[in-house]
Amino acid sequence: MSKEKRKITFEQIIQPGDGWAGIVKKGQYVRFIDVEGQQVGDLCFFNADNIKECFSAGITRTRQFVGKPGAPYRLVNRITEGDVMYSSAYRPMATITADTPIIKGIHELDLHMCNKQLYEHLGYPNREGCWEITSRVVAKYGIAPEQIPDPFNIFMNIKRDEKKGTFTIIRPISRPGDFIEFRLEMDCIVAIPICPMDIGAPTNGDKPTPIKVEVYEARP
């Protein structure tokens, strides 16, 4: 559906080191725009009617169904337009409707959020990571820190070494204005911290920058 057939209901630019959480209704669209390029956000979904049901990276990787019942399903490391975000109860939460980086699907489904423990290990104590930021922005919905799932890291770029069994974080490919967009398949609390990582790896192109959140509803 084109943007011309939609009505924008919310928009906000979120600065690195901060985050956003809000309720997006079934049938609405949420878009995350990489304002300056090469910026990561650790996206999570929670069922707005049952916060125990949340996004599952593992189910999302292994349950991309194609075609009618009985047809093969896909086991994937990358997801992009047309793919579905699944919940911990095996239910569709959102469908990716747009993914504009020049190579689609360069997002990350394997790694956990950065947090204080990681920064302490790197020699930077008392520094918030995405886990602490997410904990803060979802608290108003009664979601406890230990309920936060492993995220869908939008725009994050990693290299896999299958022989060594390791991951390496490399520079994102997203350009200024690139975005990823979702159509909600259930009412969800959507949460995203804007990753503050600027040490140890080029997670955010060495300089964290903002992400803009936009929510749309379809016009009649």
Protein backbone atom coordinates (compact mmCIF):
# COMPACT_ATOMS: atom_id res chain seq x y z
CA MET A 1 0.00 0.00 0.00
CA SER A 2 1.42 3.38 -0.95
CA LYS A 3 2.03 6.10 1.59
CA GLU A 4 -0.53 8.28 -0.25
CA LYS A 5 -3.29 5.89 0.88
CA ARG A 6 -2.31 6.13 4.53
CA LYS A 7 -2.71 8.58 7.36
CA ILE A 8 0.25 9.20 9.65
CA THR A 9 -0.76 8.99 13.32
CA PHE A 10 2.61 9.32 15.04
CA GLU A 11 6.15 10.42 14.23
CA GLN A 12 9.18 11.02 16.43
CA ILE A 13 12.93 11.17 16.01
CA ILE A 14 14.66 9.10 18.70
CA GLN A 15 18.22 9.99 19.60
CA PRO A 16 20.97 7.40 20.19
CA GLY A 17 21.04 6.25 23.78
CA ASP A 18 17.29 6.81 24.07
CA GLY A 19 14.37 4.60 23.10
CA TRP A 20 10.68 4.46 22.28
CA ALA A 21 7.80 2.14 23.07
CA GLY A 22 4.20 2.47 21.97
CA ILE A 23 1.10 0.48 21.08
CA VAL A 24 0.62 -0.15 17.36
CA LYS A 25 -2.74 -1.67 16.41
CA LYS A 26 -3.46 -4.60 14.11
CA GLY A 27 -3.54 -3.34 10.52
CA GLN A 28 -1.43 -0.27 11.26
CA TYR A 29 2.09 0.17 9.90
CA VAL A 30 5.23 1.14 11.78
CA ARG A 31 8.26 2.43 9.91
CA PHE A 32 11.81 2.90 11.23
CA ILE A 33 13.88 5.37 9.23
CA ASP A 34 17.68 5.46 9.50
CA VAL A 35 18.02 9.24 9.42
CA GLU A 36 21.76 9.56 8.78
CA GLY A 37 22.60 5.97 7.84
CA GLN A 38 24.46 3.05 9.48
CA GLN A 39 22.43 3.08 12.71
CA VAL A 40 21.15 0.01 14.54
CA GLY A 41 17.98 -0.38 16.60
CA ASP A 42 17.13 -3.44 18.74
CA LEU A 43 13.47 -3.99 17.89
CA CYS A 44 11.06 -5.97 20.11
CA PHE A 45 7.34 -6.79 19.95
CA PHE A 46 4.98 -7.75 22.80
CA ASN A 47 1.34 -8.78 22.52
CA ALA A 48 -0.53 -5.74 23.86
CA ASP A 49 -3.18 -8.01 25.42
CA ASN A 50 -0.74 -10.52 26.93
CA ILE A 51 2.78 -9.21 27.56
CA LYS A 52 4.02 -12.75 28.26
CA GLU A 53 3.74 -13.36 24.52
CA CYS A 54 6.63 -11.61 22.80
CA PHE A 55 8.82 -11.71 19.72
CA SER A 56 10.83 -14.90 19.17
CA ALA A 57 13.93 -14.66 17.00
CA GLY A 58 14.30 -18.45 16.93
CA ILE A 59 10.76 -19.13 15.74
CA THR A 60 11.04 -16.30 13.21
CA ARG A 61 14.22 -17.87 11.76
CA THR A 62 12.68 -21.32 11.46
CA ARG A 63 9.01 -20.80 10.58
CA GLN A 64 8.92 -18.74 7.39
CA PHE A 65 6.08 -20.58 5.66
CA VAL A 66 5.68 -20.38 1.88
CA GLY A 67 2.48 -21.21 0.02
CA LYS A 68 -0.34 -23.47 1.11
CA PRO A 69 -0.25 -26.00 3.99
CA GLY A 70 2.12 -28.85 3.24
CA ALA A 71 4.47 -26.68 1.19
CA PRO A 72 8.10 -26.31 2.35
CA TYR A 73 9.01 -23.77 4.99
CA ARG A 74 12.19 -21.70 5.03
CA LEU A 75 15.00 -21.79 7.60
CA VAL A 76 16.66 -18.39 7.30
CA ASN A 77 19.41 -16.19 8.71
CA ARG A 78 17.96 -13.08 7.08
CA ILE A 79 14.41 -11.81 6.73
CA THR A 80 13.08 -9.07 4.48
CA GLU A 81 9.93 -7.95 2.61
CA GLY A 82 7.11 -10.46 2.93
CA ASP A 83 8.64 -12.28 5.89
CA VAL A 84 6.82 -12.57 9.20
CA MET A 85 7.84 -11.78 12.75
CA TYR A 86 6.61 -14.63 14.97
CA SER A 87 5.78 -14.63 18.67
CA SER A 88 6.81 -17.01 21.43
CA ALA A 89 3.33 -18.56 21.00
CA TYR A 90 4.01 -19.32 17.29
CA ARG A 91 1.67 -16.55 16.09
CA PRO A 92 2.34 -13.83 13.48
CA MET A 93 3.02 -10.47 15.11
CA ALA A 94 4.06 -8.33 12.12
CA THR A 95 4.92 -8.65 8.43
CA ILE A 96 7.77 -6.75 6.79
CA THR A 97 6.22 -4.60 4.05
CA ALA A 98 9.27 -2.58 2.99
CA ASP A 99 13.05 -2.91 3.35
CA THR A 100 14.96 -0.27 1.39
CA PRO A 101 18.72 -0.79 1.96
CA ILE A 102 20.44 -1.62 -1.33
CA ILE A 103 20.86 -5.24 -0.18
CA LYS A 104 17.62 -6.32 1.47
CA GLY A 105 17.63 -8.42 4.62
CA ILE A 106 20.80 -6.95 6.16
CA HIS A 107 19.42 -7.09 9.69
CA GLU A 108 20.38 -9.40 12.54
CA LEU A 109 18.51 -12.22 14.31
CA ASP A 110 21.27 -13.93 16.31
CA LEU A 111 22.78 -11.56 18.86
CA HIS A 112 21.63 -10.24 22.22
CA MET A 113 21.36 -6.55 23.12
CA CYS A 114 24.36 -4.62 24.41
CA ASN A 115 24.12 -3.95 28.15
CA LYS A 116 26.05 -2.71 31.18
CA GLN A 117 27.76 -6.07 31.65
CA LEU A 118 29.16 -5.96 28.11
CA TYR A 119 30.42 -2.40 28.55
CA GLU A 120 32.03 -3.30 31.88
CA HIS A 121 33.82 -6.18 30.14
CA LEU A 122 35.10 -3.72 27.54
CA GLY A 123 36.37 -1.38 30.27
CA TYR A 124 33.50 1.13 30.33
CA PRO A 125 31.61 0.73 33.64
CA ASN A 126 28.27 2.38 34.49
CA ARG A 127 27.20 2.75 30.89
CA GLU A 128 23.69 1.89 29.66
CA GLY A 129 23.17 -0.44 26.74
CA CYS A 130 20.13 -1.31 24.66
CA TRP A 131 18.86 -3.73 27.32
CA GLU A 132 18.73 -1.02 29.99
CA ILE A 133 17.17 1.48 27.56
CA THR A 134 14.50 -1.02 26.53
CA SER A 135 13.82 -1.87 30.18
CA ARG A 136 13.20 1.79 30.86
CA VAL A 137 10.81 2.46 27.95
CA VAL A 138 8.67 -0.68 28.41
CA ALA A 139 8.29 -0.33 32.19
CA LYS A 140 5.12 1.78 31.74
CA TYR A 141 3.43 -1.29 30.23
CA GLY A 142 4.30 -3.52 33.18
CA ILE A 143 7.04 -5.36 31.29
CA ALA A 144 9.94 -6.39 33.54
CA PRO A 145 13.56 -6.39 32.31
CA GLU A 146 13.74 -10.18 32.48
CA GLN A 147 10.79 -10.41 30.04
CA ILE A 148 12.69 -8.66 27.23
CA PRO A 149 13.41 -11.10 24.38
CA ASP A 150 16.41 -11.23 22.11
CA PRO A 151 15.63 -8.56 19.50
CA PHE A 152 15.45 -8.13 15.76
CA ASN A 153 18.44 -5.83 15.26
CA ILE A 154 17.40 -3.64 12.35
CA PHE A 155 20.21 -2.45 10.03
CA MET A 156 22.83 -4.43 11.99
CA ASN A 157 25.41 -6.14 9.77
CA ILE A 158 27.38 -9.21 10.82
CA LYS A 159 29.74 -11.59 9.07
CA ARG A 160 29.54 -15.31 9.84
CA ASP A 161 32.59 -17.56 9.78
CA GLU A 162 31.09 -21.02 9.43
CA LYS A 163 34.44 -22.81 9.88
CA LYS A 164 35.28 -21.02 13.13
CA GLY A 165 31.69 -20.80 14.30
CA THR A 166 32.01 -17.08 15.04
CA PHE A 167 30.30 -13.77 14.23
CA THR A 168 32.01 -10.46 13.47
CA ILE A 169 30.14 -7.15 13.60
CA ILE A 170 30.85 -5.09 10.48
CA ARG A 171 29.77 -1.68 9.28
CA PRO A 172 26.05 -1.32 8.39
CA ILE A 173 25.12 -0.70 4.76
CA SER A 174 21.99 1.38 5.40
CA ARG A 175 22.04 4.82 3.77
CA PRO A 176 20.49 8.08 5.03
CA GLY A 177 16.73 7.73 4.67
CA ASP A 178 16.67 3.94 4.33
CA PHE A 179 13.84 2.31 6.26
CA ILE A 180 12.21 -0.93 7.26
CA GLU A 181 8.43 -1.08 7.68
CA PHE A 182 6.03 -3.55 9.29
CA ARG A 183 2.28 -4.18 9.11
CA LEU A 184 1.01 -5.33 12.48
CA GLU A 185 -0.83 -8.65 12.59
CA MET A 186 -1.96 -8.18 16.21
CA ASP A 187 -2.09 -5.26 18.61
CA CYS A 188 1.49 -4.93 19.85
CA ILE A 189 3.64 -2.96 22.20
CA VAL A 190 6.54 -2.09 19.92
CA ALA A 191 9.82 -1.11 21.56
CA ILE A 192 13.14 0.06 20.15
CA PRO A 193 16.29 1.44 21.76
CA ILE A 194 18.61 3.43 19.50
CA CYS A 195 21.90 1.60 19.97
CA PRO A 196 24.61 3.68 21.72
CA MET A 197 27.49 1.33 20.85
CA ASP A 198 30.52 3.30 19.62
CA ILE A 199 33.37 1.11 20.90
CA GLY A 200 34.69 -2.35 20.16
CA ALA A 201 33.10 -2.70 16.71
CA PRO A 202 31.64 -0.47 13.94
CA THR A 203 28.11 -1.42 15.02
CA ASN A 204 26.75 2.02 14.21
CA GLY A 205 29.40 3.14 11.74
CA ASP A 206 31.50 4.37 14.73
CA LYS A 207 29.04 7.22 15.45
CA PRO A 208 25.52 6.58 16.79
CA THR A 209 22.82 8.68 15.10
CA PRO A 210 18.99 8.99 15.31
CA ILE A 211 16.23 6.74 14.02
CA LYS A 212 12.79 8.15 13.20
CA VAL A 213 9.63 6.23 14.11
CA GLU A 214 6.47 6.69 12.04
CA VAL A 215 3.09 4.98 12.56
CA TYR A 216 0.45 4.90 9.80
CA GLU A 217 -3.10 3.64 9.50
CA ALA A 218 -4.79 2.71 6.24
CA ARG A 219 -7.33 5.18 4.87
CA PRO A 220 -10.81 3.79 4.09
